[in-house]
Protein backbone atom coordinates (compact mmCIF):
# COMPACT_ATOMS: atom_id res chain seq x y z
CA UNK A 1 -12.65 15.68 6.30
CA UNK A 2 -15.11 13.34 4.87
CA UNK A 3 -18.47 13.87 7.05
CA UNK A 4 -20.75 11.19 5.04
CA UNK A 5 -19.87 7.98 6.75
CA UNK A 6 -22.75 8.20 9.33
CA UNK A 7 -25.13 9.48 6.63
CA UNK A 8 -24.59 7.73 3.33
CA UNK A 9 -28.20 7.89 2.51
CA UNK A 10 -28.23 11.50 2.86
CA UNK A 11 -24.97 12.40 0.85
CA UNK A 12 -23.05 11.59 -1.91
CA UNK A 13 -19.56 9.97 -0.64
CA UNK A 14 -16.44 10.73 -2.61
CA UNK A 15 -16.36 8.56 -5.90
CA UNK A 16 -14.13 5.91 -6.42
CA UNK A 17 -11.86 5.84 -9.59
CA UNK A 18 -10.72 2.86 -11.47
CA UNK A 19 -11.19 4.47 -15.04
CA UNK A 20 -14.92 4.45 -14.49
CA UNK A 21 -16.61 5.80 -11.45
CA UNK A 22 -18.33 3.93 -8.98
CA UNK A 23 -20.28 5.20 -5.67
CA UNK A 24 -19.92 3.50 -2.65
CA UNK A 25 -23.29 2.32 -1.26
CA UNK A 26 -25.02 3.04 1.89
CA UNK A 27 -24.61 1.13 4.99
CA UNK A 28 -27.70 2.60 6.66
CA UNK A 29 -28.37 1.51 10.12
CA UNK A 30 -25.39 -0.77 10.08
CA UNK A 31 -23.12 2.15 10.05
CA UNK A 32 -23.80 2.72 13.59
CA UNK A 33 -21.65 0.00 14.76
CA UNK A 34 -17.96 -0.48 15.30
CA UNK A 35 -18.27 -4.18 15.57
CA UNK A 36 -21.26 -6.04 14.09
CA UNK A 37 -22.20 -9.37 13.60
CA UNK A 38 -25.31 -9.32 11.11
CA UNK A 39 -25.81 -13.08 10.60
CA UNK A 40 -29.17 -14.16 9.19
CA UNK A 41 -31.56 -15.88 11.32
CA UNK A 42 -30.53 -14.54 14.68
CA UNK A 43 -27.19 -16.27 14.52
CA UNK A 44 -24.85 -13.47 15.37
CA UNK A 45 -22.02 -13.63 17.89
CA UNK A 46 -19.37 -11.18 19.04
CA UNK A 47 -16.52 -12.48 21.27
CA UNK A 48 -14.26 -9.78 22.88
CA UNK A 49 -11.19 -10.73 24.98
CA UNK A 50 -8.65 -8.38 26.34
CA UNK A 51 -9.74 -5.83 23.81
CA UNK A 52 -11.24 -2.31 23.58
CA UNK A 53 -13.90 -1.32 21.11
CA UNK A 54 -14.30 2.44 20.75
CA UNK A 55 -17.88 2.46 19.25
CA UNK A 56 -21.12 0.45 19.51
CA UNK A 57 -21.18 -3.26 19.18
CA UNK A 58 -24.14 -5.35 17.64
CA UNK A 59 -25.23 -8.72 17.30
CA UNK A 60 -28.21 -10.35 15.54
CA UNK A 61 -28.09 -13.01 18.34
CA UNK A 62 -29.67 -12.70 21.57
CA UNK A 63 -27.92 -10.83 24.55
CA UNK A 64 -25.99 -13.91 25.36
CA UNK A 65 -24.48 -13.89 22.09
CA UNK A 66 -22.15 -10.96 23.02
CA UNK A 67 -19.33 -12.38 25.09
CA UNK A 68 -16.96 -10.06 27.04
CA UNK A 69 -13.87 -11.13 28.90
CA UNK A 70 -11.77 -7.97 30.16
CA UNK A 71 -13.34 -6.21 27.32
CA UNK A 72 -13.84 -2.46 27.36
CA UNK A 73 -16.83 -1.00 25.15
CA UNK A 74 -17.25 2.45 25.11
CA UNK A 75 -20.44 2.69 23.25
CA UNK A 76 -23.77 0.44 23.33
CA UNK A 77 -23.90 -3.18 23.31
CA UNK A 78 -27.13 -4.11 21.36
CA UNK A 79 -28.21 -7.80 20.97
CA UNK A 80 -30.45 -8.77 19.03
CA UNK A 81 -30.10 -5.70 16.64
CA UNK A 82 -33.41 -5.00 14.40
CA UNK A 83 -33.99 -6.46 11.35
CA UNK A 84 -33.17 -3.34 9.47
CA UNK A 85 -29.64 -3.56 10.56
CA UNK A 86 -29.27 -6.83 9.06
CA UNK A 87 -31.13 -5.90 5.90
CA UNK A 88 -29.09 -2.72 5.63
CA UNK A 89 -25.80 -4.61 6.05
CA UNK A 90 -26.83 -7.30 3.33
CA UNK A 91 -27.87 -4.53 0.95
CA UNK A 92 -24.46 -2.62 1.16
CA UNK A 93 -22.53 -5.95 0.84
CA UNK A 94 -24.64 -6.95 -2.06
CA UNK A 95 -24.00 -3.34 -3.83
CA UNK A 96 -20.31 -3.53 -3.13
CA UNK A 97 -20.21 -7.10 -4.66
CA UNK A 98 -21.55 -5.54 -8.06
CA UNK A 99 -18.93 -2.66 -8.10
CA UNK A 100 -16.68 -3.57 -11.16
CA UNK A 101 -12.91 -3.00 -11.65
CA UNK A 102 -10.91 -2.32 -14.80
CA UNK A 103 -8.54 -4.83 -15.99
CA UNK A 104 -5.36 -3.03 -14.60
CA UNK A 105 -6.69 -2.88 -11.10
CA UNK A 106 -7.46 -6.73 -11.19
CA UNK A 107 -4.98 -9.01 -9.63
CA UNK A 108 -4.85 -12.94 -9.68
CA UNK A 109 -1.95 -13.05 -7.13
CA UNK A 110 -2.69 -14.30 -3.77
CA UNK A 111 0.13 -12.10 -2.45
CA UNK A 112 1.45 -8.59 -3.48
CA UNK A 113 3.98 -8.09 -0.66
CA UNK A 114 4.80 -4.40 0.11
CA UNK A 115 2.56 -2.25 -2.46
CA UNK A 116 1.33 1.27 -2.73
CA UNK A 117 -2.27 1.69 -3.79
CA UNK A 118 -3.67 5.32 -5.12
CA UNK A 119 -7.51 5.93 -4.65
CA UNK A 120 -9.47 3.53 -6.58
CA UNK A 121 -11.30 0.23 -6.80
CA UNK A 122 -9.05 -2.79 -6.53
CA UNK A 123 -10.17 -6.53 -7.28
CA UNK A 124 -8.51 -9.94 -6.42
CA UNK A 125 -9.88 -12.86 -8.06
CA UNK A 126 -9.48 -15.28 -5.02
CA UNK A 127 -8.16 -15.16 -1.53
CA UNK A 128 -5.16 -12.91 -0.33
CA UNK A 129 -2.77 -13.78 2.25
CA UNK A 130 0.05 -11.33 3.13
CA UNK A 131 2.81 -11.88 5.80
CA UNK A 132 5.28 -9.35 6.95
CA UNK A 133 3.89 -7.11 4.16
CA UNK A 134 2.85 -3.23 4.32
CA UNK A 135 0.23 -1.86 1.84
CA UNK A 136 0.33 2.01 1.76
CA UNK A 137 -2.71 3.92 0.69
CA UNK A 138 -1.39 7.12 -0.60
CA UNK A 139 -4.05 9.80 -1.23
CA UNK A 140 -5.58 12.92 0.32
CA UNK A 141 -8.48 13.56 2.88
CA UNK A 142 -11.13 13.34 0.06
CA UNK A 143 -9.91 10.21 -1.49
CA UNK A 144 -11.55 6.78 -1.19
CA UNK A 145 -10.40 3.14 -1.67
CA UNK A 146 -12.35 -0.18 -2.17
CA UNK A 147 -10.67 -3.55 -2.11
CA UNK A 148 -12.51 -6.61 -3.18
CA UNK A 149 -11.19 -10.05 -2.20
CA UNK A 150 -12.56 -13.22 -3.79
CA UNK A 151 -14.45 -11.85 -6.93
CA UNK A 152 -14.17 -14.93 -8.98
CA UNK A 153 -14.14 -17.72 -6.31
CA UNK A 154 -14.43 -18.24 -2.55
CA UNK A 155 -11.80 -15.80 -1.13
CA UNK A 156 -10.57 -14.95 2.38
CA UNK A 157 -8.33 -11.99 3.50
CA UNK A 158 -5.73 -13.52 5.77
CA UNK A 159 -2.71 -11.33 7.22
CA UNK A 160 0.09 -11.92 9.67
CA UNK A 161 2.25 -9.20 10.71
CA UNK A 162 0.44 -7.25 7.89
CA UNK A 163 0.07 -3.57 8.03
CA UNK A 164 -2.22 -1.06 6.03
CA UNK A 165 -1.05 2.47 6.42
CA UNK A 166 -2.24 5.79 5.38
CA UNK A 167 -0.13 8.26 3.58
CA UNK A 168 -0.56 11.69 2.35
CA UNK A 169 -3.70 12.66 4.51
CA UNK A 170 -6.19 9.91 3.77
CA UNK A 171 -8.57 8.54 6.27
CA UNK A 172 -8.98 4.76 7.37
CA UNK A 173 -12.80 5.54 7.31
CA UNK A 174 -12.55 6.24 3.67
CA UNK A 175 -11.18 2.83 3.05
CA UNK A 176 -13.65 -0.34 2.37
CA UNK A 177 -12.91 -3.97 2.03
CA UNK A 178 -15.51 -6.26 0.52
CA UNK A 179 -14.45 -9.93 1.33
CA UNK A 180 -16.04 -12.69 -0.09
CA UNK A 181 -15.23 -15.08 2.68
CA UNK A 182 -13.69 -14.77 6.16
CA UNK A 183 -11.11 -12.21 7.51
CA UNK A 184 -8.32 -13.30 9.79
CA UNK A 185 -5.78 -10.74 11.11
CA UNK A 186 -3.05 -11.88 13.29
CA UNK A 187 -0.53 -9.21 14.97
CA UNK A 188 -1.62 -6.90 12.06
CA UNK A 189 -2.49 -3.07 12.11
CA UNK A 190 -5.36 -2.57 9.88
CA UNK A 191 -7.14 0.25 8.39
CA UNK A 192 -10.74 0.72 6.93
CA UNK A 193 -14.12 -0.65 7.10
CA UNK A 194 -14.43 -4.49 6.59
CA UNK A 195 -17.66 -6.27 5.28
CA UNK A 196 -16.96 -9.99 5.43
CA UNK A 197 -19.25 -12.78 4.04
CA UNK A 198 -18.03 -14.88 6.69
CA UNK A 199 -16.35 -14.73 10.17
CA UNK A 200 -13.84 -11.94 11.31
CA UNK A 201 -11.09 -13.12 13.58
CA UNK A 202 -8.62 -10.47 15.10
CA UNK A 203 -5.85 -11.58 17.49
CA UNK A 204 -3.15 -9.23 18.47
CA UNK A 205 -0.89 -11.45 20.71
CA UNK A 206 1.10 -8.41 21.35
CA UNK A 207 1.38 -5.82 23.96
CA UNK A 208 0.03 -2.96 23.39
CA UNK A 209 -2.83 -4.52 21.42
CA UNK A 210 -3.04 -4.64 17.75
CA UNK A 211 -4.81 -1.25 16.32
CA UNK A 212 -7.61 -1.60 13.79
CA UNK A 213 -9.27 1.82 12.63
CA UNK A 214 -12.44 1.17 10.99
CA UNK A 215 -15.58 -0.79 11.36
CA UNK A 216 -15.57 -4.74 11.54
CA UNK A 217 -18.89 -5.89 9.98
CA UNK A 218 -19.61 -9.59 9.22
CA UNK A 219 -22.29 -11.91 8.16
CA UNK A 220 -21.01 -14.33 10.65
CA UNK A 221 -19.06 -14.20 14.22
CA UNK A 222 -16.54 -11.41 15.11
CA UNK A 223 -13.91 -12.23 17.58
CA UNK A 224 -11.40 -10.01 18.91
CA UNK A 225 -8.37 -11.05 21.13
CA UNK A 226 -5.78 -8.22 22.15
CA UNK A 227 -7.17 -5.88 19.82
CA UNK A 228 -8.27 -2.27 19.88
CA UNK A 229 -10.85 -1.25 17.33
CA UNK A 230 -11.65 2.44 16.77
CA UNK A 231 -15.01 2.78 14.74
CA UNK A 232 -15.89 5.12 12.22
CA UNK A 233 -18.53 7.88 12.72
CA UNK A 234 -19.05 11.00 10.62
CA UNK A 235 -15.90 9.92 8.54
CA UNK A 236 -13.29 9.79 11.37
CA UNK A 237 -12.27 7.71 14.09
CA UNK A 238 -14.83 8.22 16.87
CA UNK A 239 -14.14 9.13 20.49
CA UNK A 240 -15.77 7.65 23.55
CA UNK A 241 -19.26 9.04 24.30
CA UNK A 242 -19.96 10.51 27.57
CA UNK A 243 -23.83 10.69 27.37
CA UNK A 244 -26.24 8.38 26.07
CA UNK A 245 -29.88 7.70 25.56
CA UNK A 246 -31.17 11.05 27.29
CA UNK A 247 -34.58 12.01 25.88
CA UNK A 248 -37.48 10.22 24.11
CA UNK A 249 -36.72 8.98 20.56
CA UNK A 250 -32.90 8.71 21.14
CA UNK A 251 -31.30 5.43 20.25
CA UNK A 252 -27.65 4.05 20.12
CA UNK A 253 -26.96 5.67 16.85
CA UNK A 254 -25.07 8.73 18.14
CA UNK A 255 -26.09 8.86 21.81
CA UNK A 256 -26.79 12.62 21.83
CA UNK A 257 -28.14 14.18 25.00
CA UNK A 258 -31.90 15.00 24.60
CA UNK A 259 -31.19 18.78 24.61
CA UNK A 260 -28.37 18.41 22.28
CA UNK A 261 -30.13 20.43 19.45
CA UNK A 262 -27.82 18.93 16.99
CA UNK A 263 -29.54 19.97 14.72
CA UNK A 264 -32.39 20.37 12.24
CA UNK A 265 -31.54 23.83 10.72
CA UNK A 266 -28.40 25.04 12.11
CA UNK A 267 -24.89 24.40 10.89
CA UNK A 268 -25.50 20.44 10.28
CA UNK A 269 -24.70 19.81 6.53
CA UNK A 270 -27.42 17.26 6.51
CA UNK A 271 -30.42 18.70 8.34
CA UNK A 272 -32.29 16.69 10.63
CA UNK A 273 -29.79 13.59 10.68
CA UNK A 274 -27.69 14.14 13.75
CA UNK A 275 -29.96 13.10 16.19
CA UNK A 276 -33.32 11.26 16.68
CA UNK A 277 -34.55 13.78 19.45
CA UNK A 278 -38.09 14.63 18.82
CA UNK A 279 -39.17 18.21 18.17
CA UNK A 280 -40.35 20.70 20.77
CA UNK A 281 -39.55 20.11 24.54
CA UNK A 282 -37.80 22.16 26.76
CA UNK A 283 -33.96 22.34 27.68
CA UNK A 284 -33.12 19.33 29.59
CA UNK A 285 -36.06 17.23 28.53
CA UNK A 286 -36.82 15.19 25.53
CA UNK A 287 -36.54 17.30 22.32
CA UNK A 288 -34.45 20.07 20.82
CA UNK A 289 -36.04 23.07 21.34
CA UNK A 290 -33.68 25.62 22.74
CA UNK A 291 -31.18 22.91 23.38
CA UNK A 292 -27.62 23.19 24.21
CA UNK A 293 -28.20 24.58 27.67
């Protein structure tokens, strides 16, 4: 299982293949969020209605910019997010924009219908609109996919009764969607982390609500209605967190308890990065010394 989603800057993610190799850039502090409206100038807005978000929610706008109506959020709600979060999102968005595709993996069509994609980088010159279609991502647990929508001109991603499914052991959190413009999904089951240049709008209009496994990150507003978002953390869909912000120095990034000791020098493959706990302290108090008590 991929363990790098949370710690892009500390490790090398699986390489994307499309004749040439391209490395997925880091999301930095933006990787903490299942839903993020990272509009510049404090213009972020998140509207969540009859939906469930498993993970943290962030907006560059003021607290009132996150509107919840019968909305369940398992993680922290942060508004406004720090400037670093917006900067990190903008940087990742720009890096993905620069990833090139080979000719055979570049499409001029606005619709492919049912289609199977092996791991790699895929580019669409303009907008993509799919209705009653299934895209199957066929690959293993260490494979990665990047889809770029609107590489040659303004291009949105629009789906109605559109499904993206994983086949062969691939993971939703190893799928990335760079979209030049807006993303609009209606009654669509979707997989992967979206980085949208404009707004993200997801509407389920179904019972149970439509599922989305991945992170919804946008340069504009994010609106969810009758949707369930299961965000990415450590390369897999995350589970609700029971403890949060215990101990000095802990923030919303993983909500570890202050005595979690997770972990500078233990089994953690990325030392010092699983928690913001300060060094020292005693069990039950801020710091990691002797934790897990």
